[in-house]
């Protein structure tokens, strides 16, 4: 599933014809880089790919003042069908990716494990605090569904914090077992 494809196709379906700069501004306005896996700057390349695939097409070229010409895009029928399929796939597929921290922790060398986990906890807590302070500021600009999406991320951060706290509490026993050469229980 491609989030950037979903964003571009969905934005054109929802808002109508737009040029690339308008899509980029929309992505910036929605702080897309905070809750999706792409940055606003990636939109231009994705637009070219979607146009080459026939999912969007140029409806006209505009020029405002001294700005460069901008191609205005719209969905094609194939793009509308692709949007339905991409959205359905995103809604029906649960994404649970391996976190590289798990492998790194299982292969921890001489690093101070407690200090590593504490630094991660500090970062996670700061991310959660930033999110919790940011949501009330922007809530009036979000739909109820967008507010729920933002809460989803906060819940995920709380889960990460809880797991890191649990790991920190278990570290003395884990490190003792590692030094004594005991095999972990099966």
N, C-alpha and C. Protein backbone atom coordinates (compact mmCIF):
# COMPACT_ATOMS: atom_id res chain seq x y z
N UNK A 1 0.85 -1.17 0.00
CA UNK A 1 0.00 0.00 0.00
C UNK A 1 0.89 1.23 0.00
N UNK A 2 0.59 2.15 -0.84
CA UNK A 2 1.37 3.37 -0.95
C UNK A 2 0.57 4.54 -0.39
N UNK A 3 1.04 5.07 0.71
CA UNK A 3 0.36 6.21 1.34
C UNK A 3 0.34 7.43 0.44
N UNK A 4 1.41 7.65 -0.28
CA UNK A 4 1.48 8.85 -1.11
C UNK A 4 0.49 8.76 -2.27
N UNK A 5 0.30 7.56 -2.82
CA UNK A 5 -0.68 7.37 -3.88
C UNK A 5 -2.09 7.61 -3.32
N UNK A 6 -2.35 7.08 -2.14
CA UNK A 6 -3.64 7.28 -1.48
C UNK A 6 -3.90 8.77 -1.24
N UNK A 7 -2.88 9.48 -0.78
CA UNK A 7 -3.02 10.91 -0.52
C UNK A 7 -3.34 11.68 -1.80
N UNK A 8 -2.57 11.47 -2.84
CA UNK A 8 -2.76 12.24 -4.08
C UNK A 8 -4.09 11.91 -4.73
N UNK A 9 -4.35 10.62 -4.93
CA UNK A 9 -5.61 10.23 -5.57
C UNK A 9 -6.81 10.66 -4.72
N UNK A 10 -6.71 10.45 -3.40
CA UNK A 10 -7.80 10.84 -2.51
C UNK A 10 -8.04 12.34 -2.48
N UNK A 11 -6.95 13.11 -2.51
CA UNK A 11 -7.09 14.57 -2.50
C UNK A 11 -7.74 15.06 -3.79
N UNK A 12 -7.34 14.48 -4.92
CA UNK A 12 -7.96 14.88 -6.19
C UNK A 12 -9.43 14.49 -6.23
N UNK A 13 -9.75 13.32 -5.68
CA UNK A 13 -11.16 12.88 -5.66
C UNK A 13 -11.99 13.78 -4.75
N UNK A 14 -11.42 14.16 -3.62
CA UNK A 14 -12.15 14.95 -2.63
C UNK A 14 -12.24 16.42 -3.00
N UNK A 15 -11.13 16.97 -3.49
CA UNK A 15 -11.06 18.43 -3.71
C UNK A 15 -11.14 18.85 -5.16
N UNK A 16 -11.05 17.89 -6.06
CA UNK A 16 -11.10 18.23 -7.48
C UNK A 16 -9.71 18.52 -8.04
N UNK A 17 -9.68 19.10 -9.20
CA UNK A 17 -8.43 19.36 -9.92
C UNK A 17 -7.47 20.20 -9.08
N UNK A 18 -6.19 19.81 -9.12
CA UNK A 18 -5.16 20.54 -8.37
C UNK A 18 -3.83 20.44 -9.12
N UNK A 19 -2.97 21.40 -8.88
CA UNK A 19 -1.61 21.29 -9.41
C UNK A 19 -0.71 20.74 -8.31
N UNK A 20 0.48 20.32 -8.68
CA UNK A 20 1.40 19.70 -7.73
C UNK A 20 1.69 20.58 -6.54
N UNK A 21 1.86 21.88 -6.78
CA UNK A 21 2.15 22.78 -5.66
C UNK A 21 0.98 22.82 -4.69
N UNK A 22 -0.24 22.78 -5.22
CA UNK A 22 -1.41 22.76 -4.35
C UNK A 22 -1.46 21.50 -3.51
N UNK A 23 -1.11 20.37 -4.10
CA UNK A 23 -1.05 19.11 -3.34
C UNK A 23 0.02 19.17 -2.26
N UNK A 24 1.16 19.75 -2.60
CA UNK A 24 2.23 19.88 -1.62
C UNK A 24 1.79 20.78 -0.46
N UNK A 25 1.15 21.91 -0.78
CA UNK A 25 0.66 22.81 0.28
C UNK A 25 -0.36 22.10 1.16
N UNK A 26 -1.23 21.30 0.55
CA UNK A 26 -2.22 20.55 1.33
C UNK A 26 -1.52 19.57 2.27
N UNK A 27 -0.50 18.89 1.77
CA UNK A 27 0.25 17.95 2.61
C UNK A 27 0.93 18.67 3.77
N UNK A 28 1.47 19.85 3.49
CA UNK A 28 2.11 20.63 4.56
C UNK A 28 1.06 21.10 5.57
N UNK A 29 -0.08 21.56 5.07
CA UNK A 29 -1.16 22.04 5.94
C UNK A 29 -1.65 20.92 6.86
N UNK A 30 -1.71 19.70 6.31
CA UNK A 30 -2.18 18.56 7.09
C UNK A 30 -1.06 17.91 7.90
N UNK A 31 0.15 18.47 7.85
CA UNK A 31 1.31 17.91 8.57
C UNK A 31 1.45 16.43 8.27
N UNK A 32 1.36 16.11 6.99
CA UNK A 32 1.34 14.72 6.55
C UNK A 32 2.58 13.95 7.00
N UNK A 33 3.70 14.64 7.08
CA UNK A 33 4.94 13.96 7.48
C UNK A 33 4.92 13.52 8.94
N UNK A 34 3.98 14.00 9.73
CA UNK A 34 3.88 13.58 11.12
C UNK A 34 3.06 12.31 11.30
N UNK A 35 2.25 11.96 10.31
CA UNK A 35 1.40 10.79 10.51
C UNK A 35 1.29 9.89 9.29
N UNK A 36 2.08 10.16 8.28
CA UNK A 36 2.15 9.25 7.13
C UNK A 36 3.62 8.97 6.84
N UNK A 37 3.86 8.04 5.96
CA UNK A 37 5.23 7.62 5.70
C UNK A 37 5.85 8.28 4.47
N UNK A 38 5.51 9.55 4.25
CA UNK A 38 6.14 10.32 3.18
C UNK A 38 6.17 11.79 3.58
N UNK A 39 7.00 12.54 2.87
CA UNK A 39 7.11 13.97 3.12
C UNK A 39 6.46 14.73 1.96
N UNK A 40 6.06 15.96 2.19
CA UNK A 40 5.45 16.74 1.11
C UNK A 40 6.32 16.84 -0.14
N UNK A 41 7.63 16.87 0.03
CA UNK A 41 8.53 17.00 -1.11
C UNK A 41 8.48 15.81 -2.06
N UNK A 42 8.01 14.67 -1.60
CA UNK A 42 7.95 13.47 -2.44
C UNK A 42 6.77 13.49 -3.40
N UNK A 43 5.90 14.45 -3.24
CA UNK A 43 4.66 14.48 -4.03
C UNK A 43 4.93 14.64 -5.53
N UNK A 44 5.90 15.47 -5.90
CA UNK A 44 6.14 15.74 -7.31
C UNK A 44 6.54 14.48 -8.08
N UNK A 45 7.42 13.69 -7.52
CA UNK A 45 7.82 12.44 -8.17
C UNK A 45 6.66 11.47 -8.28
N UNK A 46 5.84 11.40 -7.24
CA UNK A 46 4.68 10.51 -7.25
C UNK A 46 3.66 10.96 -8.30
N UNK A 47 3.51 12.26 -8.46
CA UNK A 47 2.60 12.78 -9.50
C UNK A 47 3.06 12.30 -10.87
N UNK A 48 4.34 12.39 -11.14
CA UNK A 48 4.87 11.95 -12.44
C UNK A 48 4.59 10.47 -12.66
N UNK A 49 4.79 9.66 -11.61
CA UNK A 49 4.53 8.22 -11.73
C UNK A 49 3.05 7.94 -11.97
N UNK A 50 2.18 8.62 -11.22
CA UNK A 50 0.74 8.42 -11.39
C UNK A 50 0.28 8.84 -12.78
N UNK A 51 0.84 9.93 -13.30
CA UNK A 51 0.50 10.38 -14.66
C UNK A 51 0.99 9.37 -15.69
N UNK A 52 2.21 8.86 -15.51
CA UNK A 52 2.75 7.87 -16.45
C UNK A 52 1.92 6.59 -16.45
N UNK A 53 1.32 6.26 -15.32
CA UNK A 53 0.48 5.07 -15.22
C UNK A 53 -0.96 5.31 -15.70
N UNK A 54 -1.27 6.55 -16.02
CA UNK A 54 -2.61 6.87 -16.50
C UNK A 54 -3.65 6.98 -15.39
N UNK A 55 -3.20 7.17 -14.14
CA UNK A 55 -4.14 7.29 -13.03
C UNK A 55 -4.59 8.74 -12.80
N UNK A 56 -3.76 9.68 -13.27
CA UNK A 56 -4.13 11.09 -13.28
C UNK A 56 -3.72 11.64 -14.65
N UNK A 57 -4.30 12.76 -15.02
CA UNK A 57 -3.92 13.37 -16.29
C UNK A 57 -3.96 14.89 -16.15
N UNK A 58 -3.20 15.55 -17.02
CA UNK A 58 -3.17 17.00 -17.03
C UNK A 58 -4.44 17.50 -17.72
N UNK A 59 -5.16 18.39 -17.04
CA UNK A 59 -6.37 18.96 -17.63
C UNK A 59 -6.11 20.35 -18.22
N UNK A 60 -5.09 21.02 -17.71
CA UNK A 60 -4.71 22.32 -18.25
C UNK A 60 -3.38 22.75 -17.62
N UNK A 61 -2.82 23.79 -18.17
CA UNK A 61 -1.61 24.40 -17.62
C UNK A 61 -1.97 25.82 -17.23
N UNK A 62 -1.57 26.22 -16.02
CA UNK A 62 -1.88 27.57 -15.52
C UNK A 62 -0.60 28.32 -15.24
N UNK A 63 -0.71 29.63 -15.31
CA UNK A 63 0.41 30.50 -14.89
C UNK A 63 -0.21 31.66 -14.13
N UNK A 64 0.30 31.87 -12.92
CA UNK A 64 -0.15 33.01 -12.12
C UNK A 64 1.03 33.96 -11.95
N UNK A 65 0.87 35.18 -12.37
CA UNK A 65 1.93 36.18 -12.20
C UNK A 65 3.25 35.70 -12.77
N UNK A 66 4.30 35.89 -11.98
CA UNK A 66 5.64 35.51 -12.41
C UNK A 66 6.00 34.07 -12.04
N UNK A 67 5.04 33.33 -11.49
CA UNK A 67 5.30 31.95 -11.12
C UNK A 67 5.43 31.09 -12.37
N UNK A 68 6.13 29.97 -12.27
CA UNK A 68 6.25 29.10 -13.45
C UNK A 68 4.90 28.47 -13.78
N UNK A 69 4.81 27.96 -15.00
CA UNK A 69 3.59 27.26 -15.39
C UNK A 69 3.41 26.04 -14.51
N UNK A 70 2.15 25.75 -14.21
CA UNK A 70 1.83 24.58 -13.38
C UNK A 70 0.79 23.74 -14.09
N UNK A 71 1.07 22.45 -14.11
CA UNK A 71 0.10 21.52 -14.69
C UNK A 71 -0.96 21.21 -13.64
N UNK A 72 -2.20 21.27 -14.04
CA UNK A 72 -3.32 20.97 -13.15
C UNK A 72 -3.78 19.55 -13.49
N UNK A 73 -3.90 18.73 -12.45
CA UNK A 73 -4.21 17.31 -12.63
C UNK A 73 -5.61 16.97 -12.14
N UNK A 74 -6.16 15.91 -12.73
CA UNK A 74 -7.44 15.35 -12.30
C UNK A 74 -7.32 13.83 -12.36
N UNK A 75 -8.21 13.17 -11.66
CA UNK A 75 -8.26 11.71 -11.70
C UNK A 75 -8.76 11.23 -13.05
N UNK A 76 -8.24 10.13 -13.50
CA UNK A 76 -8.81 9.44 -14.64
C UNK A 76 -9.75 8.37 -14.09
N UNK A 77 -10.58 7.77 -14.91
CA UNK A 77 -11.40 6.66 -14.42
C UNK A 77 -10.55 5.54 -13.81
N UNK A 78 -9.40 5.27 -14.41
CA UNK A 78 -8.50 4.25 -13.85
C UNK A 78 -7.98 4.70 -12.48
N UNK A 79 -7.74 6.01 -12.32
CA UNK A 79 -7.28 6.54 -11.04
C UNK A 79 -8.35 6.42 -9.97
N UNK A 80 -9.59 6.66 -10.34
CA UNK A 80 -10.71 6.52 -9.39
C UNK A 80 -10.83 5.07 -8.94
N UNK A 81 -10.69 4.14 -9.88
CA UNK A 81 -10.75 2.72 -9.52
C UNK A 81 -9.57 2.32 -8.65
N UNK A 82 -8.39 2.85 -8.98
CA UNK A 82 -7.20 2.56 -8.17
C UNK A 82 -7.36 3.10 -6.76
N UNK A 83 -7.95 4.28 -6.63
CA UNK A 83 -8.19 4.86 -5.30
C UNK A 83 -9.05 3.95 -4.46
N UNK A 84 -10.12 3.42 -5.04
CA UNK A 84 -11.00 2.50 -4.30
C UNK A 84 -10.21 1.28 -3.83
N UNK A 85 -9.40 0.72 -4.72
CA UNK A 85 -8.63 -0.48 -4.37
C UNK A 85 -7.57 -0.17 -3.31
N UNK A 86 -6.87 0.95 -3.46
CA UNK A 86 -5.82 1.32 -2.50
C UNK A 86 -6.44 1.58 -1.13
N UNK A 87 -7.53 2.32 -1.11
CA UNK A 87 -8.20 2.63 0.16
C UNK A 87 -8.70 1.35 0.83
N UNK A 88 -9.32 0.46 0.06
CA UNK A 88 -9.82 -0.80 0.62
C UNK A 88 -8.65 -1.61 1.20
N UNK A 89 -7.57 -1.68 0.45
CA UNK A 89 -6.40 -2.43 0.93
C UNK A 89 -5.87 -1.84 2.24
N UNK A 90 -5.79 -0.51 2.30
CA UNK A 90 -5.30 0.14 3.51
C UNK A 90 -6.21 -0.10 4.70
N UNK A 91 -7.51 -0.11 4.46
CA UNK A 91 -8.46 -0.30 5.55
C UNK A 91 -8.52 -1.75 6.02
N UNK A 92 -8.30 -2.69 5.12
CA UNK A 92 -8.43 -4.11 5.46
C UNK A 92 -7.14 -4.76 5.89
N UNK A 93 -6.01 -4.11 5.66
CA UNK A 93 -4.71 -4.71 5.97
C UNK A 93 -4.17 -4.12 7.27
N UNK A 94 -3.88 -4.99 8.21
CA UNK A 94 -3.25 -4.55 9.46
C UNK A 94 -1.74 -4.58 9.25
N UNK A 95 -1.11 -3.45 9.47
CA UNK A 95 0.33 -3.34 9.27
C UNK A 95 1.01 -3.42 10.63
N UNK A 96 1.85 -4.41 10.76
CA UNK A 96 2.64 -4.56 11.99
C UNK A 96 4.05 -4.90 11.53
N UNK A 97 4.89 -3.88 11.50
CA UNK A 97 6.24 -4.05 10.98
C UNK A 97 7.21 -4.38 12.11
N UNK A 98 8.21 -5.20 11.79
CA UNK A 98 9.27 -5.44 12.78
C UNK A 98 9.98 -4.12 13.08
N UNK A 99 10.33 -3.94 14.33
CA UNK A 99 11.05 -2.74 14.74
C UNK A 99 12.52 -3.11 14.89
N UNK A 100 13.42 -2.42 14.20
CA UNK A 100 14.85 -2.75 14.28
C UNK A 100 15.41 -2.72 15.70
N UNK A 101 14.74 -2.00 16.62
CA UNK A 101 15.23 -1.95 17.99
C UNK A 101 15.24 -3.35 18.62
N UNK A 102 14.30 -4.20 18.23
CA UNK A 102 14.24 -5.55 18.80
C UNK A 102 15.49 -6.34 18.45
N UNK A 103 15.91 -6.28 17.20
CA UNK A 103 17.13 -6.98 16.80
C UNK A 103 18.35 -6.36 17.48
N UNK A 104 18.40 -5.04 17.54
CA UNK A 104 19.53 -4.37 18.18
C UNK A 104 19.63 -4.74 19.66
N UNK A 105 18.49 -4.80 20.35
CA UNK A 105 18.50 -5.18 21.76
C UNK A 105 18.92 -6.63 21.95
N UNK A 106 18.49 -7.50 21.05
CA UNK A 106 18.86 -8.91 21.19
C UNK A 106 20.34 -9.14 20.91
N UNK A 107 20.99 -8.17 20.28
CA UNK A 107 22.42 -8.27 19.96
C UNK A 107 23.23 -7.19 20.68
N UNK A 108 22.70 -6.72 21.79
CA UNK A 108 23.33 -5.62 22.51
C UNK A 108 24.73 -6.00 22.95
N UNK A 109 25.67 -5.14 22.64
CA UNK A 109 27.06 -5.38 23.01
C UNK A 109 27.38 -4.77 24.36
N UNK A 110 28.41 -3.95 24.38
CA UNK A 110 28.89 -3.36 25.62
C UNK A 110 28.11 -2.11 26.04
N UNK A 111 27.15 -1.70 25.21
CA UNK A 111 26.38 -0.50 25.55
C UNK A 111 25.67 -0.70 26.88
N UNK A 112 25.45 0.39 27.56
CA UNK A 112 24.70 0.35 28.80
C UNK A 112 23.22 0.25 28.44
N UNK A 113 22.67 -0.95 28.55
CA UNK A 113 21.29 -1.20 28.12
C UNK A 113 20.31 -0.27 28.82
N UNK A 114 20.46 -0.07 30.11
CA UNK A 114 19.54 0.80 30.84
C UNK A 114 19.60 2.23 30.30
N UNK A 115 20.78 2.72 30.00
CA UNK A 115 20.92 4.08 29.47
C UNK A 115 20.27 4.17 28.08
N UNK A 116 20.44 3.15 27.27
CA UNK A 116 19.84 3.13 25.93
C UNK A 116 18.32 3.18 26.05
N UNK A 117 17.76 2.34 26.91
CA UNK A 117 16.31 2.29 27.08
C UNK A 117 15.79 3.60 27.67
N UNK A 118 16.53 4.17 28.61
CA UNK A 118 16.13 5.46 29.20
C UNK A 118 16.11 6.56 28.15
N UNK A 119 17.13 6.59 27.27
CA UNK A 119 17.14 7.61 26.21
C UNK A 119 15.95 7.43 25.28
N UNK A 120 15.64 6.19 24.95
CA UNK A 120 14.49 5.93 24.09
C UNK A 120 13.19 6.36 24.79
N UNK A 121 13.09 6.06 26.07
CA UNK A 121 11.91 6.48 26.84
C UNK A 121 11.77 8.00 26.85
N UNK A 122 12.87 8.70 27.03
CA UNK A 122 12.84 10.16 27.02
C UNK A 122 12.32 10.67 25.68
N UNK A 123 12.80 10.07 24.60
CA UNK A 123 12.37 10.48 23.26
C UNK A 123 10.89 10.18 23.06
N UNK A 124 10.46 8.98 23.44
CA UNK A 124 9.05 8.60 23.27
C UNK A 124 8.13 9.49 24.09
N UNK A 125 8.53 9.78 25.33
CA UNK A 125 7.70 10.64 26.18
C UNK A 125 7.60 12.05 25.60
N UNK A 126 8.71 12.55 25.04
CA UNK A 126 8.69 13.88 24.42
C UNK A 126 7.79 13.88 23.19
N UNK A 127 7.83 12.81 22.40
CA UNK A 127 6.96 12.71 21.23
C UNK A 127 5.50 12.72 21.65
N UNK A 128 5.17 11.96 22.70
CA UNK A 128 3.80 11.91 23.19
C UNK A 128 3.37 13.27 23.73
N UNK A 129 4.22 13.90 24.49
CA UNK A 129 3.88 15.22 25.05
C UNK A 129 3.65 16.23 23.93
N UNK A 130 4.50 16.19 22.92
CA UNK A 130 4.35 17.10 21.78
C UNK A 130 3.01 16.84 21.08
N UNK A 131 2.70 15.58 20.90
CA UNK A 131 1.44 15.22 20.24
C UNK A 131 0.23 15.66 21.08
N UNK A 132 0.31 15.43 22.39
CA UNK A 132 -0.82 15.79 23.26
C UNK A 132 -1.00 17.30 23.35
N UNK A 133 0.08 18.06 23.26
CA UNK A 133 -0.07 19.51 23.30
C UNK A 133 -0.50 20.06 21.95
N UNK A 134 -0.14 19.36 20.88
CA UNK A 134 -0.44 19.81 19.53
C UNK A 134 -1.91 19.56 19.17
N UNK A 135 -2.47 18.44 19.61
CA UNK A 135 -3.84 18.08 19.22
C UNK A 135 -4.87 19.13 19.61
N UNK A 136 -4.89 19.64 20.85
CA UNK A 136 -5.89 20.67 21.18
C UNK A 136 -5.74 21.93 20.32
N UNK A 137 -4.49 22.25 19.93
CA UNK A 137 -4.26 23.45 19.11
C UNK A 137 -4.87 23.31 17.72
N UNK A 138 -4.86 22.09 17.19
CA UNK A 138 -5.31 21.91 15.80
C UNK A 138 -6.68 21.24 15.69
N UNK A 139 -7.25 20.80 16.80
CA UNK A 139 -8.52 20.06 16.76
C UNK A 139 -9.62 20.79 16.00
N UNK A 140 -9.69 22.10 16.15
CA UNK A 140 -10.76 22.84 15.48
C UNK A 140 -10.63 22.80 13.96
N UNK A 141 -9.44 22.45 13.47
CA UNK A 141 -9.21 22.39 12.03
C UNK A 141 -9.32 20.97 11.49
N UNK A 142 -9.59 20.00 12.36
CA UNK A 142 -9.63 18.60 11.96
C UNK A 142 -11.06 18.07 11.99
N UNK A 143 -11.34 17.14 11.10
CA UNK A 143 -12.62 16.44 11.16
C UNK A 143 -12.56 15.50 12.37
N UNK A 144 -13.69 14.98 12.75
CA UNK A 144 -13.71 14.03 13.87
C UNK A 144 -12.87 12.80 13.55
N UNK A 145 -12.89 12.34 12.30
CA UNK A 145 -12.07 11.18 11.93
C UNK A 145 -10.59 11.52 12.00
N UNK A 146 -10.21 12.71 11.55
CA UNK A 146 -8.80 13.11 11.63
C UNK A 146 -8.35 13.20 13.09
N UNK A 147 -9.23 13.65 13.97
CA UNK A 147 -8.89 13.68 15.39
C UNK A 147 -8.65 12.27 15.92
N UNK A 148 -9.47 11.32 15.48
CA UNK A 148 -9.28 9.93 15.90
C UNK A 148 -7.96 9.37 15.37
N UNK A 149 -7.61 9.73 14.15
CA UNK A 149 -6.34 9.29 13.58
C UNK A 149 -5.17 9.81 14.43
N UNK A 150 -5.26 11.05 14.85
CA UNK A 150 -4.21 11.62 15.70
C UNK A 150 -4.16 10.89 17.05
N UNK A 151 -5.31 10.53 17.59
CA UNK A 151 -5.35 9.79 18.85
C UNK A 151 -4.75 8.39 18.69
N UNK A 152 -4.94 7.80 17.51
CA UNK A 152 -4.36 6.48 17.24
C UNK A 152 -2.85 6.52 17.42
N UNK A 153 -2.22 7.55 16.89
CA UNK A 153 -0.77 7.67 17.04
C UNK A 153 -0.39 7.83 18.51
N UNK A 154 -1.16 8.59 19.26
CA UNK A 154 -0.86 8.76 20.69
C UNK A 154 -0.98 7.43 21.43
N UNK A 155 -1.97 6.63 21.08
CA UNK A 155 -2.12 5.31 21.71
C UNK A 155 -0.92 4.42 21.38
N UNK A 156 -0.46 4.48 20.15
CA UNK A 156 0.70 3.68 19.76
C UNK A 156 1.93 4.12 20.57
N UNK A 157 2.10 5.42 20.76
CA UNK A 157 3.23 5.92 21.55
C UNK A 157 3.12 5.45 23.00
N UNK A 158 1.91 5.49 23.56
CA UNK A 158 1.73 5.01 24.94
C UNK A 158 2.10 3.54 25.06
N UNK A 159 1.75 2.73 24.07
CA UNK A 159 2.11 1.32 24.07
C UNK A 159 3.62 1.14 24.04
N UNK A 160 4.30 1.92 23.23
CA UNK A 160 5.76 1.86 23.17
C UNK A 160 6.38 2.26 24.52
N UNK A 161 5.84 3.30 25.13
CA UNK A 161 6.35 3.75 26.43
C UNK A 161 6.15 2.65 27.46
N UNK A 162 4.97 2.04 27.49
CA UNK A 162 4.69 0.97 28.45
C UNK A 162 5.66 -0.20 28.27
N UNK A 163 5.91 -0.60 27.01
CA UNK A 163 6.83 -1.71 26.77
C UNK A 163 8.25 -1.35 27.20
N UNK A 164 8.70 -0.13 26.91
CA UNK A 164 10.05 0.29 27.31
C UNK A 164 10.18 0.33 28.84
N UNK A 165 9.13 0.78 29.52
CA UNK A 165 9.16 0.79 30.98
C UNK A 165 9.24 -0.63 31.52
N UNK A 166 8.49 -1.54 30.92
CA UNK A 166 8.53 -2.96 31.31
C UNK A 166 9.93 -3.53 31.08
N UNK A 167 10.51 -3.22 29.93
CA UNK A 167 11.86 -3.69 29.61
C UNK A 167 12.87 -3.14 30.62
N UNK A 168 12.76 -1.88 30.95
CA UNK A 168 13.68 -1.26 31.90
C UNK A 168 13.60 -1.97 33.25
N UNK A 169 12.39 -2.32 33.68
CA UNK A 169 12.22 -3.03 34.95
C UNK A 169 12.79 -4.45 34.90
N UNK A 170 12.75 -5.07 33.73
CA UNK A 170 13.25 -6.45 33.58
C UNK A 170 14.74 -6.52 33.31
N UNK A 171 15.38 -5.39 33.01
CA UNK A 171 16.79 -5.41 32.62
C UNK A 171 17.73 -6.03 33.67
N UNK A 172 17.56 -5.75 34.96
CA UNK A 172 18.49 -6.38 35.92
C UNK A 172 18.50 -7.91 35.79
N UNK A 173 17.33 -8.51 35.69
CA UNK A 173 17.26 -9.97 35.55
C UNK A 173 17.82 -10.42 34.20
N UNK A 174 17.50 -9.69 33.14
CA UNK A 174 18.00 -10.02 31.81
C UNK A 174 19.51 -9.97 31.78
N UNK A 175 20.08 -8.91 32.32
CA UNK A 175 21.53 -8.75 32.31
C UNK A 175 22.21 -9.79 33.20
N UNK A 176 21.57 -10.12 34.32
CA UNK A 176 22.11 -11.16 35.20
C UNK A 176 22.16 -12.50 34.47
N UNK A 177 21.08 -12.84 33.78
CA UNK A 177 21.03 -14.08 33.01
C UNK A 177 22.11 -14.09 31.93
N UNK A 178 22.30 -12.94 31.28
CA UNK A 178 23.29 -12.86 30.20
C UNK A 178 24.70 -13.07 30.74
N UNK A 179 24.98 -12.51 31.93
CA UNK A 179 26.32 -12.66 32.51
C UNK A 179 26.55 -14.07 33.01
N UNK A 180 25.50 -14.71 33.50
CA UNK A 180 25.68 -16.06 34.05
C UNK A 180 25.65 -17.12 32.96
N UNK A 181 25.31 -16.72 31.75
CA UNK A 181 25.31 -17.67 30.63
C UNK A 181 24.09 -18.55 30.59
N UNK A 182 23.09 -18.21 31.40
CA UNK A 182 21.87 -19.03 31.41
C UNK A 182 21.13 -18.87 30.09
N UNK A 183 20.59 -19.95 29.63
CA UNK A 183 19.75 -19.90 28.46
C UNK A 183 18.39 -19.36 28.84
N UNK A 184 17.78 -18.57 27.99
CA UNK A 184 16.46 -18.07 28.32
C UNK A 184 15.45 -19.22 28.39
N UNK A 185 14.41 -19.07 29.22
CA UNK A 185 13.41 -20.13 29.31
C UNK A 185 12.69 -20.31 27.96
N UNK A 186 12.29 -21.54 27.72
CA UNK A 186 11.63 -21.84 26.44
C UNK A 186 10.17 -21.47 26.49
